[in-house]
C-alpha atoms as a PDB file:
ATOM      1  CA  MET A   1      49.333  33.318 -26.495  1.00  0.00           C
ATOM      2  CA  GLY A   2      45.896  32.105 -25.390  1.00  0.00           C
ATOM      3  CA  ASP A   3      44.787  28.501 -25.233  1.00  0.00           C
ATOM      4  CA  ILE A   4      46.100  26.394 -28.078  1.00  0.00           C
ATOM      5  CA  ARG A   5      43.119  24.815 -29.802  1.00  0.00           C
ATOM      6  CA  ILE A   6      43.888  21.250 -30.824  1.00  0.00           C
ATOM      7  CA  GLY A   7      42.054  19.037 -33.272  1.00  0.00           C
ATOM      8  CA  ILE A   8      42.553  15.281 -33.038  1.00  0.00           C
ATOM      9  CA  LEU A   9      42.045  13.096 -36.096  1.00  0.00           C
ATOM     10  CA  GLY A  10      41.354   9.490 -35.106  1.00  0.00           C
ATOM     11  CA  GLY A  11      39.610   7.708 -32.287  1.00  0.00           C
ATOM     12  CA  GLY A  12      41.919   4.829 -31.385  1.00  0.00           C
ATOM     13  CA  PHE A  13      44.533   4.174 -28.729  1.00  0.00           C
ATOM     14  CA  MET A  14      46.955   6.920 -29.733  1.00  0.00           C
ATOM     15  CA  ALA A  15      44.202   9.521 -29.974  1.00  0.00           C
ATOM     16  CA  GLY A  16      43.267   8.635 -26.407  1.00  0.00           C
ATOM     17  CA  GLN A  17      46.874   8.954 -25.261  1.00  0.00           C
ATOM     18  CA  ARG A  18      47.176  12.412 -26.823  1.00  0.00           C
ATOM     19  CA  CYS A  19      43.892  13.538 -25.258  1.00  0.00           C
ATOM     20  CA  ALA A  20      45.116  12.384 -21.853  1.00  0.00           C
ATOM     21  CA  ALA A  21      48.436  14.191 -22.283  1.00  0.00           C
ATOM     22  CA  LEU A  22      46.847  17.446 -23.438  1.00  0.00           C
ATOM     23  CA  GLY A  23      44.646  17.423 -20.349  1.00  0.00           C
ATOM     24  CA  LYS A  24      47.805  17.710 -18.240  1.00  0.00           C
ATOM     25  CA  ILE A  25      49.353  20.615 -20.157  1.00  0.00           C
ATOM     26  CA  PRO A  26      48.084  24.063 -19.130  1.00  0.00           C
ATOM     27  CA  GLY A  27      46.897  26.333 -21.911  1.00  0.00           C
ATOM     28  CA  CYS A  28      45.791  23.534 -24.246  1.00  0.00           C
ATOM     29  CA  ARG A  29      42.276  22.620 -25.264  1.00  0.00           C
ATOM     30  CA  VAL A  30      40.967  19.750 -27.368  1.00  0.00           C
ATOM     31  CA  ALA A  31      38.542  21.747 -29.481  1.00  0.00           C
ATOM     32  CA  ALA A  32      37.458  19.146 -32.038  1.00  0.00           C
ATOM     33  CA  LEU A  33      37.713  15.453 -32.823  1.00  0.00           C
ATOM     34  CA  CYS A  34      37.168  13.605 -36.075  1.00  0.00           C
ATOM     35  CA  ASP A  35      36.920   9.972 -37.114  1.00  0.00           C
ATOM     36  CA  VAL A  36      35.060   8.051 -39.796  1.00  0.00           C
ATOM     37  CA  ALA A  37      33.395   6.257 -36.879  1.00  0.00           C
ATOM     38  CA  ARG A  38      31.724   9.262 -35.274  1.00  0.00           C
ATOM     39  CA  ASP A  39      30.435   7.249 -32.302  1.00  0.00           C
ATOM     40  CA  ARG A  40      33.961   6.214 -31.416  1.00  0.00           C
ATOM     41  CA  VAL A  41      35.272   9.754 -30.969  1.00  0.00           C
ATOM     42  CA  ALA A  42      32.033  10.790 -29.273  1.00  0.00           C
ATOM     43  CA  SER A  43      32.569   8.022 -26.712  1.00  0.00           C
ATOM     44  CA  MET A  44      36.205   9.042 -26.245  1.00  0.00           C
ATOM     45  CA  ALA A  45      35.192  12.677 -25.701  1.00  0.00           C
ATOM     46  CA  ALA A  46      32.600  11.661 -23.112  1.00  0.00           C
ATOM     47  CA  ALA A  47      35.036   9.363 -21.306  1.00  0.00           C
ATOM     48  CA  ARG A  48      37.659  12.106 -21.059  1.00  0.00           C
ATOM     49  CA  GLY A  49      35.349  14.938 -20.115  1.00  0.00           C
ATOM     50  CA  LEU A  50      35.694  16.813 -23.403  1.00  0.00           C
ATOM     51  CA  SER A  51      32.153  18.116 -23.359  1.00  0.00           C
ATOM     52  CA  ASP A  52      33.064  21.277 -25.315  1.00  0.00           C
ATOM     53  CA  ALA A  53      34.848  19.455 -28.127  1.00  0.00           C
ATOM     54  CA  ARG A  54      33.095  19.441 -31.497  1.00  0.00           C
ATOM     55  CA  ILE A  55      32.634  15.972 -33.000  1.00  0.00           C
ATOM     56  CA  HIS A  56      32.974  15.309 -36.734  1.00  0.00           C
ATOM     57  CA  ASP A  57      33.074  12.464 -39.228  1.00  0.00           C
ATOM     58  CA  SER A  58      33.860  14.812 -42.129  1.00  0.00           C
ATOM     59  CA  LEU A  59      37.406  16.105 -42.591  1.00  0.00           C
ATOM     60  CA  GLU A  60      36.150  19.197 -44.420  1.00  0.00           C
ATOM     61  CA  ARG A  61      33.935  20.341 -41.565  1.00  0.00           C
ATOM     62  CA  PHE A  62      36.590  19.332 -39.040  1.00  0.00           C
ATOM     63  CA  LEU A  63      39.220  21.539 -40.691  1.00  0.00           C
ATOM     64  CA  ASP A  64      36.743  24.404 -40.816  1.00  0.00           C
ATOM     65  CA  GLU A  65      36.903  24.559 -37.016  1.00  0.00           C
ATOM     66  CA  PRO A  66      39.017  27.384 -35.525  1.00  0.00           C
ATOM     67  CA  LEU A  67      42.106  25.308 -34.702  1.00  0.00           C
ATOM     68  CA  ASP A  68      45.776  26.058 -34.075  1.00  0.00           C
ATOM     69  CA  ALA A  69      47.155  22.544 -34.402  1.00  0.00           C
ATOM     70  CA  LEU A  70      46.195  19.084 -35.597  1.00  0.00           C
ATOM     71  CA  MET A  71      47.224  15.698 -34.201  1.00  0.00           C
ATOM     72  CA  VAL A  72      47.013  12.966 -36.847  1.00  0.00           C
ATOM     73  CA  CYS A  73      46.352   9.719 -34.957  1.00  0.00           C
ATOM     74  CA  ILE A  74      45.120   7.379 -37.681  1.00  0.00           C
ATOM     75  CA  PRO A  75      46.570   4.084 -38.988  1.00  0.00           C
ATOM     76  CA  PRO A  76      49.195   4.358 -41.726  1.00  0.00           C
ATOM     77  CA  PHE A  77      46.912   3.098 -44.515  1.00  0.00           C
ATOM     78  CA  ALA A  78      44.494   5.975 -43.832  1.00  0.00           C
ATOM     79  CA  HIS A  79      47.000   8.744 -44.545  1.00  0.00           C
ATOM     80  CA  ASP A  80      45.855  10.256 -47.826  1.00  0.00           C
ATOM     81  CA  GLY A  81      46.512  13.971 -47.619  1.00  0.00           C
ATOM     82  CA  GLN A  82      45.000  15.072 -44.300  1.00  0.00           C
ATOM     83  CA  LEU A  83      48.319  16.422 -43.010  1.00  0.00           C
ATOM     84  CA  GLU A  84      48.967  18.299 -46.244  1.00  0.00           C
ATOM     85  CA  ARG A  85      45.551  19.952 -46.133  1.00  0.00           C
ATOM     86  CA  ALA A  86      45.988  20.915 -42.499  1.00  0.00           C
ATOM     87  CA  ALA A  87      49.447  22.401 -43.114  1.00  0.00           C
ATOM     88  CA  ALA A  88      48.139  24.366 -46.104  1.00  0.00           C
ATOM     89  CA  SER A  89      45.500  25.807 -43.743  1.00  0.00           C
ATOM     90  CA  GLY A  90      48.237  27.022 -41.422  1.00  0.00           C
ATOM     91  CA  LEU A  91      47.813  24.361 -38.753  1.00  0.00           C
ATOM     92  CA  HIS A  92      50.801  23.004 -36.869  1.00  0.00           C
ATOM     93  CA  VAL A  93      50.837  19.210 -37.143  1.00  0.00           C
ATOM     94  CA  LEU A  94      51.779  16.212 -35.026  1.00  0.00           C
ATOM     95  CA  VAL A  95      51.649  12.873 -36.831  1.00  0.00           C
ATOM     96  CA  GLU A  96      52.065   9.419 -35.344  1.00  0.00           C
ATOM     97  CA  LYS A  97      54.556   6.948 -36.760  1.00  0.00           C
ATOM     98  CA  PRO A  98      54.895   5.580 -39.367  1.00  0.00           C
ATOM     99  CA  ILE A  99      53.990   8.776 -41.123  1.00  0.00           C
ATOM    100  CA  ALA A 100      52.973   6.823 -44.241  1.00  0.00           C
ATOM    101  CA  LEU A 101      53.263   3.479 -45.990  1.00  0.00           C
ATOM    102  CA  SER A 102      55.566   4.820 -48.694  1.00  0.00           C
ATOM    103  CA  ALA A 103      58.352   7.335 -49.041  1.00  0.00           C
ATOM    104  CA  ARG A 104      56.346   9.031 -51.800  1.00  0.00           C
ATOM    105  CA  ARG A 105      53.594   9.900 -49.315  1.00  0.00           C
ATOM    106  CA  GLY A 106      56.180  10.889 -46.740  1.00  0.00           C
ATOM    107  CA  ARG A 107      57.844  13.291 -49.158  1.00  0.00           C
ATOM    108  CA  SER A 108      54.477  14.902 -49.819  1.00  0.00           C
ATOM    109  CA  MET A 109      54.107  15.570 -46.096  1.00  0.00           C
ATOM    110  CA  VAL A 110      57.584  17.053 -45.790  1.00  0.00           C
ATOM    111  CA  GLY A 111      56.947  19.290 -48.783  1.00  0.00           C
ATOM    112  CA  ALA A 112      53.616  20.516 -47.415  1.00  0.00           C
ATOM    113  CA  VAL A 113      55.104  21.411 -44.027  1.00  0.00           C
ATOM    114  CA  ALA A 114      58.036  23.219 -45.639  1.00  0.00           C
ATOM    115  CA  ALA A 115      55.774  25.173 -47.989  1.00  0.00           C
ATOM    116  CA  ALA A 116      53.452  26.254 -45.153  1.00  0.00           C
ATOM    117  CA  GLY A 117      56.192  27.029 -42.641  1.00  0.00           C
ATOM    118  CA  VAL A 118      54.305  25.321 -39.801  1.00  0.00           C
ATOM    119  CA  VAL A 119      55.677  23.334 -36.864  1.00  0.00           C
ATOM    120  CA  SER A 120      55.686  19.574 -37.352  1.00  0.00           C
ATOM    121  CA  HIS A 121      56.345  16.699 -34.976  1.00  0.00           C
ATOM    122  CA  VAL A 122      56.480  12.902 -35.306  1.00  0.00           C
ATOM    123  CA  GLY A 123      55.375  10.767 -32.360  1.00  0.00           C
ATOM    124  CA  PHE A 124      58.619   8.906 -31.687  1.00  0.00           C
ATOM    125  CA  HIS A 125      57.942   9.036 -27.950  1.00  0.00           C
ATOM    126  CA  MET A 126      60.917   6.822 -26.994  1.00  0.00           C
ATOM    127  CA  ARG A 127      63.133   9.866 -27.565  1.00  0.00           C
ATOM    128  CA  ALA A 128      61.541  11.485 -24.500  1.00  0.00           C
ATOM    129  CA  GLY A 129      62.763   8.816 -22.058  1.00  0.00           C
ATOM    130  CA  ALA A 130      65.057   9.865 -19.206  1.00  0.00           C
ATOM    131  CA  ALA A 131      67.725   7.271 -20.044  1.00  0.00           C
ATOM    132  CA  VAL A 132      67.605   8.045 -23.767  1.00  0.00           C
ATOM    133  CA  ARG A 133      68.057  11.769 -23.090  1.00  0.00           C
ATOM    134  CA  ARG A 134      70.955  11.088 -20.701  1.00  0.00           C
ATOM    135  CA  VAL A 135      72.808   9.040 -23.318  1.00  0.00           C
ATOM    136  CA  LYS A 136      72.065  11.651 -25.972  1.00  0.00           C
ATOM    137  CA  GLU A 137      73.734  14.247 -23.746  1.00  0.00           C
ATOM    138  CA  LEU A 138      76.812  12.050 -23.452  1.00  0.00           C
ATOM    139  CA  LEU A 139      76.928  11.562 -27.219  1.00  0.00           C
ATOM    140  CA  ASP A 140      76.468  15.265 -27.918  1.00  0.00           C
ATOM    141  CA  THR A 141      79.225  16.299 -25.496  1.00  0.00           C
ATOM    142  CA  GLY A 142      81.572  13.616 -26.794  1.00  0.00           C
ATOM    143  CA  GLU A 143      81.913  11.921 -23.413  1.00  0.00           C
ATOM    144  CA  ALA A 144      80.433   8.679 -24.746  1.00  0.00           C
ATOM    145  CA  GLY A 145      82.841   8.584 -27.670  1.00  0.00           C
ATOM    146  CA  ARG A 146      82.033   7.282 -31.117  1.00  0.00           C
ATOM    147  CA  PRO A 147      78.967   4.986 -31.291  1.00  0.00           C
ATOM    148  CA  VAL A 148      80.015   1.667 -32.821  1.00  0.00           C
ATOM    149  CA  LEU A 149      77.268  -0.901 -32.165  1.00  0.00           C
ATOM    150  CA  TYR A 150      73.517  -0.860 -31.476  1.00  0.00           C
ATOM    151  CA  ASP A 151      71.608  -4.046 -30.693  1.00  0.00           C
ATOM    152  CA  ALA A 152      67.834  -4.031 -30.207  1.00  0.00           C
ATOM    153  CA  ARG A 153      64.944  -6.456 -29.850  1.00  0.00           C
ATOM    154  CA  TYR A 154      61.184  -5.920 -29.734  1.00  0.00           C
ATOM    155  CA  GLU A 155      59.017  -8.735 -28.367  1.00  0.00           C
ATOM    156  CA  CYS A 156      55.252  -9.154 -28.012  1.00  0.00           C
ATOM    157  CA  ASN A 157      52.535 -11.688 -28.736  1.00  0.00           C
ATOM    158  CA  ALA A 158      49.109 -10.358 -29.704  1.00  0.00           C
ATOM    159  CA  LEU A 159      46.738 -10.437 -32.653  1.00  0.00           C
ATOM    160  CA  HIS A 160      46.350  -6.640 -32.547  1.00  0.00           C
ATOM    161  CA  GLY A 161      43.640  -5.146 -34.766  1.00  0.00           C
ATOM    162  CA  ALA A 162      42.562  -6.515 -38.129  1.00  0.00           C
ATOM    163  CA  TRP A 163      44.240  -3.638 -39.976  1.00  0.00           C
ATOM    164  CA  TRP A 164      47.522  -4.302 -38.104  1.00  0.00           C
ATOM    165  CA  ARG A 165      47.549  -7.958 -39.167  1.00  0.00           C
ATOM    166  CA  ASP A 166      47.082  -6.928 -42.800  1.00  0.00           C
ATOM    167  CA  ARG A 167      50.505  -6.007 -44.191  1.00  0.00           C
ATOM    168  CA  SER A 168      48.955  -3.930 -46.973  1.00  0.00           C
ATOM    169  CA  ARG A 169      47.355  -1.654 -44.358  1.00  0.00           C
ATOM    170  CA  SER A 170      49.976  -1.563 -41.575  1.00  0.00           C
ATOM    171  CA  GLY A 171      53.190  -2.183 -43.472  1.00  0.00           C
ATOM    172  CA  GLY A 172      53.973  -5.058 -41.100  1.00  0.00           C
ATOM    173  CA  GLN A 173      55.569  -5.208 -37.659  1.00  0.00           C
ATOM    174  CA  VAL A 174      58.798  -3.521 -38.742  1.00  0.00           C
ATOM    175  CA  PHE A 175      56.887  -0.603 -40.274  1.00  0.00           C
ATOM    176  CA  GLU A 176      54.247  -0.081 -37.616  1.00  0.00           C
ATOM    177  CA  GLN A 177      55.858  -1.208 -34.364  1.00  0.00           C
ATOM    178  CA  ALA A 178      59.595  -1.926 -34.473  1.00  0.00           C
ATOM    179  CA  ILE A 179      60.123   1.387 -36.281  1.00  0.00           C
ATOM    180  CA  HIS A 180      60.590   2.864 -32.785  1.00  0.00           C
ATOM    181  CA  LEU A 181      63.772   0.812 -32.383  1.00  0.00           C
ATOM    182  CA  TYR A 182      64.972   1.788 -35.840  1.00  0.00           C
ATOM    183  CA  ASP A 183      64.392   5.418 -34.873  1.00  0.00           C
ATOM    184  CA  MET A 184      66.454   4.872 -31.718  1.00  0.00           C
ATOM    185  CA  ALA A 185      69.241   3.515 -33.925  1.00  0.00           C
ATOM    186  CA  ARG A 186      69.217   6.731 -35.962  1.00  0.00           C
ATOM    187  CA  CYS A 187      68.982   8.823 -32.813  1.00  0.00           C
ATOM    188  CA  PHE A 188      72.194   7.301 -31.446  1.00  0.00           C
ATOM    189  CA  MET A 189      74.138   6.205 -34.520  1.00  0.00           C
ATOM    190  CA  GLY A 190      73.331   8.792 -37.183  1.00  0.00           C
ATOM    191  CA  GLU A 191      72.107   8.021 -40.693  1.00  0.00           C
ATOM    192  CA  ALA A 192      71.896   4.446 -41.958  1.00  0.00           C
ATOM    193  CA  GLU A 193      73.338   3.816 -45.402  1.00  0.00           C
ATOM    194  CA  THR A 194      72.838   0.071 -45.970  1.00  0.00           C
ATOM    195  CA  ALA A 195      70.289  -2.500 -44.754  1.00  0.00           C
ATOM    196  CA  SER A 196      70.177  -6.275 -45.006  1.00  0.00           C
ATOM    197  CA  ALA A 197      67.205  -8.143 -43.561  1.00  0.00           C
ATOM    198  CA  PHE A 198      65.014 -11.228 -43.390  1.00  0.00           C
ATOM    199  CA  GLN A 199      61.343 -11.562 -42.423  1.00  0.00           C
ATOM    200  CA  ALA A 200      58.901 -14.434 -42.009  1.00  0.00           C
ATOM    201  CA  ASN A 201      55.459 -15.347 -40.675  1.00  0.00           C
ATOM    202  CA  LEU A 202      56.201 -18.432 -38.570  1.00  0.00           C
ATOM    203  CA  CYS A 203      53.591 -18.332 -35.795  1.00  0.00           C
ATOM    204  CA  HIS A 204      50.468 -16.896 -37.439  1.00  0.00           C
ATOM    205  CA  ALA A 205      50.319 -18.439 -40.890  1.00  0.00           C
ATOM    206  CA  ASP A 206      47.099 -20.211 -39.915  1.00  0.00           C
ATOM    207  CA  VAL A 207      45.390 -16.990 -38.732  1.00  0.00           C
ATOM    208  CA  GLU A 208      43.002 -15.705 -41.379  1.00  0.00           C
ATOM    209  CA  GLY A 209      44.014 -12.292 -42.685  1.00  0.00           C
ATOM    210  CA  TYR A 210      47.395 -12.306 -40.922  1.00  0.00           C
ATOM    211  CA  THR A 211      49.848 -11.286 -43.642  1.00  0.00           C
ATOM    212  CA  SER A 212      52.310  -9.236 -41.542  1.00  0.00           C
ATOM    213  CA  GLU A 213      55.637 -10.760 -40.602  1.00  0.00           C
ATOM    214  CA  ASP A 214      55.933 -12.032 -37.027  1.00  0.00           C
ATOM    215  CA  VAL A 215      59.717 -12.440 -36.971  1.00  0.00           C
ATOM    216  CA  SER A 216      62.324 -10.162 -38.496  1.00  0.00           C
ATOM    217  CA  ALA A 217      66.045  -9.569 -38.233  1.00  0.00           C
ATOM    218  CA  ALA A 218      68.000  -6.734 -39.817  1.00  0.00           C
ATOM    219  CA  SER A 219      71.581  -5.529 -39.983  1.00  0.00           C
ATOM    220  CA  LEU A 220      72.358  -1.864 -40.671  1.00  0.00           C
ATOM    221  CA  ARG A 221      75.535   0.012 -41.500  1.00  0.00           C
ATOM    222  CA  PHE A 222      75.713   3.730 -40.752  1.00  0.00           C
ATOM    223  CA  THR A 223      77.538   6.546 -42.490  1.00  0.00           C
ATOM    224  CA  GLY A 224      79.765   6.975 -39.427  1.00  0.00           C
ATOM    225  CA  GLY A 225      80.907   3.366 -39.675  1.00  0.00           C
ATOM    226  CA  GLY A 226      78.817   1.950 -36.834  1.00  0.00           C
ATOM    227  CA  LEU A 227      76.721  -1.194 -37.126  1.00  0.00           C
ATOM    228  CA  ALA A 228      73.337  -2.294 -35.770  1.00  0.00           C
ATOM    229  CA  THR A 229      71.279  -5.436 -35.423  1.00  0.00           C
ATOM    230  CA  ILE A 230      67.518  -5.097 -34.838  1.00  0.00           C
ATOM    231  CA  ALA A 231      65.109  -8.001 -34.357  1.00  0.00           C
ATOM    232  CA  ALA A 232      61.378  -8.095 -33.732  1.00  0.00           C
ATOM    233  CA  THR A 233      58.840 -10.802 -33.069  1.00  0.00           C
ATOM    234  CA  ASN A 234      55.158 -11.209 -32.376  1.00  0.00           C
ATOM    235  CA  CYS A 235      55.717 -14.784 -31.153  1.00  0.00           C
ATOM    236  CA  ALA A 236      56.997 -14.054 -27.637  1.00  0.00           C
ATOM    237  CA  VAL A 237      55.208 -13.815 -24.262  1.00  0.00           C
ATOM    238  CA  PRO A 238      51.488 -12.959 -24.422  1.00  0.00           C
ATOM    239  CA  GLY A 239      50.609  -9.790 -22.529  1.00  0.00           C
ATOM    240  CA  GLU A 240      54.178  -8.472 -22.530  1.00  0.00           C
ATOM    241  CA  TRP A 241      55.422  -5.657 -24.755  1.00  0.00           C
ATOM    242  CA  ASN A 242      59.184  -5.357 -24.441  1.00  0.00           C
ATOM    243  CA  GLY A 243      61.602  -3.144 -26.321  1.00  0.00           C
ATOM    244  CA  ARG A 244      65.188  -3.433 -25.096  1.00  0.00           C
ATOM    245  CA  PHE A 245      68.383  -2.164 -26.644  1.00  0.00           C
ATOM    246  CA  THR A 246      72.099  -1.760 -26.009  1.00  0.00           C
ATOM    247  CA  LEU A 247      74.392   0.937 -27.338  1.00  0.00           C
ATOM    248  CA  VAL A 248      78.151   0.464 -27.375  1.00  0.00           C
ATOM    249  CA  CYS A 249      80.397   3.501 -27.813  1.00  0.00           C
ATOM    250  CA  ARG A 250      84.164   3.900 -27.558  1.00  0.00           C
ATOM    251  CA  ALA A 251      83.870   5.171 -23.978  1.00  0.00           C
ATOM    252  CA  LEU A 252      80.399   4.042 -22.891  1.00  0.00           C
ATOM    253  CA  THR A 253      78.147   0.994 -22.977  1.00  0.00           C
ATOM    254  CA  ALA A 254      74.470   1.607 -22.234  1.00  0.00           C
ATOM    255  CA  HIS A 255      72.097  -1.281 -21.482  1.00  0.00           C
ATOM    256  CA  PHE A 256      68.496  -0.055 -21.788  1.00  0.00           C
ATOM    257  CA  GLU A 257      65.593  -1.873 -20.129  1.00  0.00           C
ATOM    258  CA  ASP A 258      63.323   0.748 -21.652  1.00  0.00           C
ATOM    259  CA  PRO A 259      63.634   4.444 -22.614  1.00  0.00           C
ATOM    260  CA  ASN A 260      63.523   5.513 -18.955  1.00  0.00           C
ATOM    261  CA  ARG A 261      65.808   2.930 -17.375  1.00  0.00           C
ATOM    262  CA  ALA A 262      69.361   1.969 -18.241  1.00  0.00           C
ATOM    263  CA  GLU A 263      72.702   0.964 -16.796  1.00  0.00           C
ATOM    264  CA  LEU A 264      75.522   3.121 -18.142  1.00  0.00           C
ATOM    265  CA  VAL A 265      79.036   1.747 -17.968  1.00  0.00           C
ATOM    266  CA  TYR A 266      81.793   4.309 -18.547  1.00  0.00           C
ATOM    267  CA  THR A 267      84.938   2.733 -20.015  1.00  0.00           C
ATOM    268  CA  GLY A 268      86.954   5.675 -21.317  1.00  0.00           C
ATOM    269  CA  ASP A 269      89.699   5.363 -18.702  1.00  0.00           C
ATOM    270  CA  GLY A 270      90.021   1.618 -19.077  1.00  0.00           C
ATOM    271  CA  LYS A 271      87.932   0.987 -15.986  1.00  0.00           C
ATOM    272  CA  ALA A 272      84.222   0.239 -15.600  1.00  0.00           C
ATOM    273  CA  ARG A 273      82.404   3.012 -13.749  1.00  0.00           C
ATOM    274  CA  ARG A 274      78.652   2.407 -13.536  1.00  0.00           C
ATOM    275  CA  GLU A 275      75.706   4.796 -13.418  1.00  0.00           C
ATOM    276  CA  ARG A 276      72.064   3.807 -13.016  1.00  0.00           C
ATOM    277  CA  VAL A 277      69.370   5.906 -14.703  1.00  0.00           C
ATOM    278  CA  SER A 278      65.854   5.195 -13.407  1.00  0.00           C
ATOM    279  CA  GLY A 279      63.425   7.792 -14.708  1.00  0.00           C
ATOM    280  CA  ASP A 280      59.653   7.868 -14.530  1.00  0.00           C
ATOM    281  CA  VAL A 281      58.929  10.149 -17.487  1.00  0.00           C
ATOM    282  CA  ASP A 282      55.456   9.764 -18.969  1.00  0.00           C
ATOM    283  CA  LEU A 283      56.654   9.326 -22.545  1.00  0.00           C
ATOM    284  CA  TYR A 284      53.424  10.357 -24.263  1.00  0.00           C
ATOM    285  CA  LEU A 285      53.039  13.388 -22.012  1.00  0.00           C
ATOM    286  CA  GLU A 286      56.614  14.569 -22.526  1.00  0.00           C
ATOM    287  CA  ASP A 287      56.430  13.962 -26.269  1.00  0.00           C
ATOM    288  CA  THR A 288      53.195  15.973 -26.460  1.00  0.00           C
ATOM    289  CA  ARG A 289      54.676  18.725 -24.295  1.00  0.00           C
ATOM    290  CA  ARG A 290      57.618  19.054 -26.706  1.00  0.00           C
ATOM    291  CA  PHE A 291      55.234  19.610 -29.603  1.00  0.00           C
ATOM    292  CA  ILE A 292      53.205  22.202 -27.699  1.00  0.00           C
ATOM    293  CA  ALA A 293      56.379  24.046 -26.645  1.00  0.00           C
ATOM    294  CA  ALA A 294      57.436  24.294 -30.297  1.00  0.00           C
ATOM    295  CA  VAL A 295      53.982  25.553 -31.297  1.00  0.00           C
ATOM    296  CA  ARG A 296      54.291  28.246 -28.630  1.00  0.00           C
ATOM    297  CA  GLY A 297      57.690  29.241 -30.002  1.00  0.00           C
ATOM    298  CA  GLU A 298      59.502  28.267 -26.827  1.00  0.00           C
ATOM    299  CA  CYS A 299      61.902  25.958 -28.700  1.00  0.00           C
ATOM    300  CA  GLY A 300      62.522  24.453 -32.091  1.00  0.00           C
ATOM    301  CA  ALA A 301      60.796  21.326 -33.365  1.00  0.00           C
ATOM    302  CA  ALA A 302      62.148  18.347 -31.414  1.00  0.00           C
ATOM    303  CA  CYS A 303      61.283  15.711 -34.020  1.00  0.00           C
ATOM    304  CA  PRO A 304      60.059  17.304 -37.275  1.00  0.00           C
ATOM    305  CA  VAL A 305      58.405  15.395 -40.080  1.00  0.00           C
ATOM    306  CA  GLU A 306      61.763  14.996 -41.860  1.00  0.00           C
ATOM    307  CA  GLU A 307      62.684  12.558 -39.089  1.00  0.00           C
ATOM    308  CA  GLY A 308      59.598  10.520 -39.877  1.00  0.00           C
ATOM    309  CA  LEU A 309      60.550  10.360 -43.542  1.00  0.00           C
ATOM    310  CA  ALA A 310      64.126   9.334 -42.699  1.00  0.00           C
ATOM    311  CA  ALA A 311      62.857   6.512 -40.467  1.00  0.00           C
ATOM    312  CA  LEU A 312      60.450   5.513 -43.229  1.00  0.00           C
ATOM    313  CA  HIS A 313      63.368   5.221 -45.648  1.00  0.00           C
ATOM    314  CA  VAL A 314      65.137   2.875 -43.217  1.00  0.00           C
ATOM    315  CA  VAL A 315      62.238   0.483 -42.654  1.00  0.00           C
ATOM    316  CA  GLU A 316      61.304   0.592 -46.330  1.00  0.00           C
ATOM    317  CA  SER A 317      64.858  -0.473 -47.166  1.00  0.00           C
ATOM    318  CA  VAL A 318      64.689  -3.246 -44.552  1.00  0.00           C
ATOM    319  CA  VAL A 319      61.483  -4.620 -46.064  1.00  0.00           C
ATOM    320  CA  ARG A 320      62.904  -4.306 -49.583  1.00  0.00           C
ATOM    321  CA  SER A 321      66.018  -6.268 -48.591  1.00  0.00           C
ATOM    322  CA  ALA A 322      63.909  -8.980 -46.949  1.00  0.00           C
ATOM    323  CA  GLY A 323      61.931  -9.286 -50.175  1.00  0.00           C
ATOM    324  CA  HIS A 324      65.217 -10.038 -51.970  1.00  0.00           C
ATOM    325  CA  HIS A 325      66.464 -12.704 -49.556  1.00  0.00           C
ATOM    326  CA  GLY A 326      68.607 -10.351 -47.517  1.00  0.00           C
ATOM    327  CA  ARG A 327      70.371  -8.624 -50.389  1.00  0.00           C
ATOM    328  CA  PRO A 328      72.019  -5.416 -49.054  1.00  0.00           C
ATOM    329  CA  THR A 329      69.910  -2.373 -49.931  1.00  0.00           C
ATOM    330  CA  ARG A 330      70.972   1.257 -50.008  1.00  0.00           C
ATOM    331  CA  VAL A 331      69.067   3.522 -47.598  1.00  0.00           C
ATOM    332  CA  PRO A 332      68.229   6.940 -49.104  1.00  0.00           C
ATOM    333  CA  ILE A 333      69.438   9.834 -46.953  1.00  0.00           C
ATOM    334  CA  ILE A 334      67.267  12.921 -46.996  1.00  0.00           C
ATOM    335  CA  ARG A 335      68.395  16.473 -46.634  1.00  0.00           C
ATOM    336  CA  GLY A 336      67.052  18.079 -43.476  1.00  0.00           C
ATOM    337  CA  ALA A 337      66.952  14.998 -41.241  1.00  0.00           C
ATOM    338  CA  SER A 338      69.139  15.271 -38.159  1.00  0.00           C
ATOM    339  CA  ALA A 339      69.199  11.644 -36.957  1.00  0.00           C
ATOM    340  CA  GLY A 340      67.999  12.984 -33.630  1.00  0.00           C
ATOM    341  CA  ARG A 341      71.229  14.939 -33.085  1.00  0.00           C
END
C-alpha cells in the first residue's frame, strides 16, 4: 500500500494532536484539512509544515479530495452527518469522543460504518497507556481475577472554550471530558447495566454562559457484578489536569497515576507482591498508530465506533439519572461493543 492520504476535519487542539502524530508515522500524509474557519486550518497547516495539504471550508469539496481516511476532530455539537457521508464514500474514519451528543446520532454513525464496511476508530487514547495495557493483559489472562471495584476521579479548573461551557453544545463535563474515565471503567469492568448520579454547578454559576456541571459523582453497577464510583470536577487546582483511578480485582489491585504509570499489587496468594509500571507512551501517537495499522489491514479495529456508542449510552444514563435526583437508570447495552476486551 502506498501513502495513506488523510483528511482532517476540524482545526482545534485535537486536530493539531492528530497532525503531529501522523507526522511521526511513516507512510501517512495529511492531504487535506477542513474547518468552517478556513484561516484556522490554514494556520495549523503552515505551523506544522503541511504545505501540500489542500485547505477547505466546504465539506463537499473536502470530501471530493482523493482520500483514504478521515479524522473527525470537531466538537460534539458539530456532528451532523460528516462521518456518515465519509463512510458512504468508502473512507475509513477516526472520530474523537464523545462521538455525538445523543445515542440517536451515535447509532447513525454505527449503522453507516457497518453498511460501508470501513474501518472505524474512536479516540479513547487512555487505552493506549502502558499501565492500562499491562492491566488489560492481566485481566485477559485471568491472572488479575474478577474485577470488583473501580474508583476514578477527574480534576481540573479552567473555563475552557465557550462551546465547552455551554451544556447544550458540549454535553457537560461528564460527556466531553470525564467520558475517558467512564470508558476506562468499561475497558476493565465490562458493560455497565445501571447508573445513579448527581451533578451540580457550584463554582461557576456566576460565569455568563456556563451551564455545564462542574461537580459530578456517579455509581455504576456492571453486568459481571462489579461496582464503580466516578467523580469529576472543574473546581480543583488551576493549571492541573488530573485523571486518576484504581481498579480492584480478586487477585490484583492497580493504583493508576495516569494511563502510563501505576503500582500493581498482586494479592492472589494472600501476600502483597508489588510491580511498578512506568511507561512513556505518547498516547495520541499510539492511538493514531492503532488506527493506521487497522486501515493497512495489519490488525483489527482497536476501538471501533461501537465502543463510542456504548460509552455514550453510559454517560447519557449518568446525566439522565442526575436529572432525576439520582434515581437508578438502566444503561442500554449494544450488540457489537466489546467493553475493550
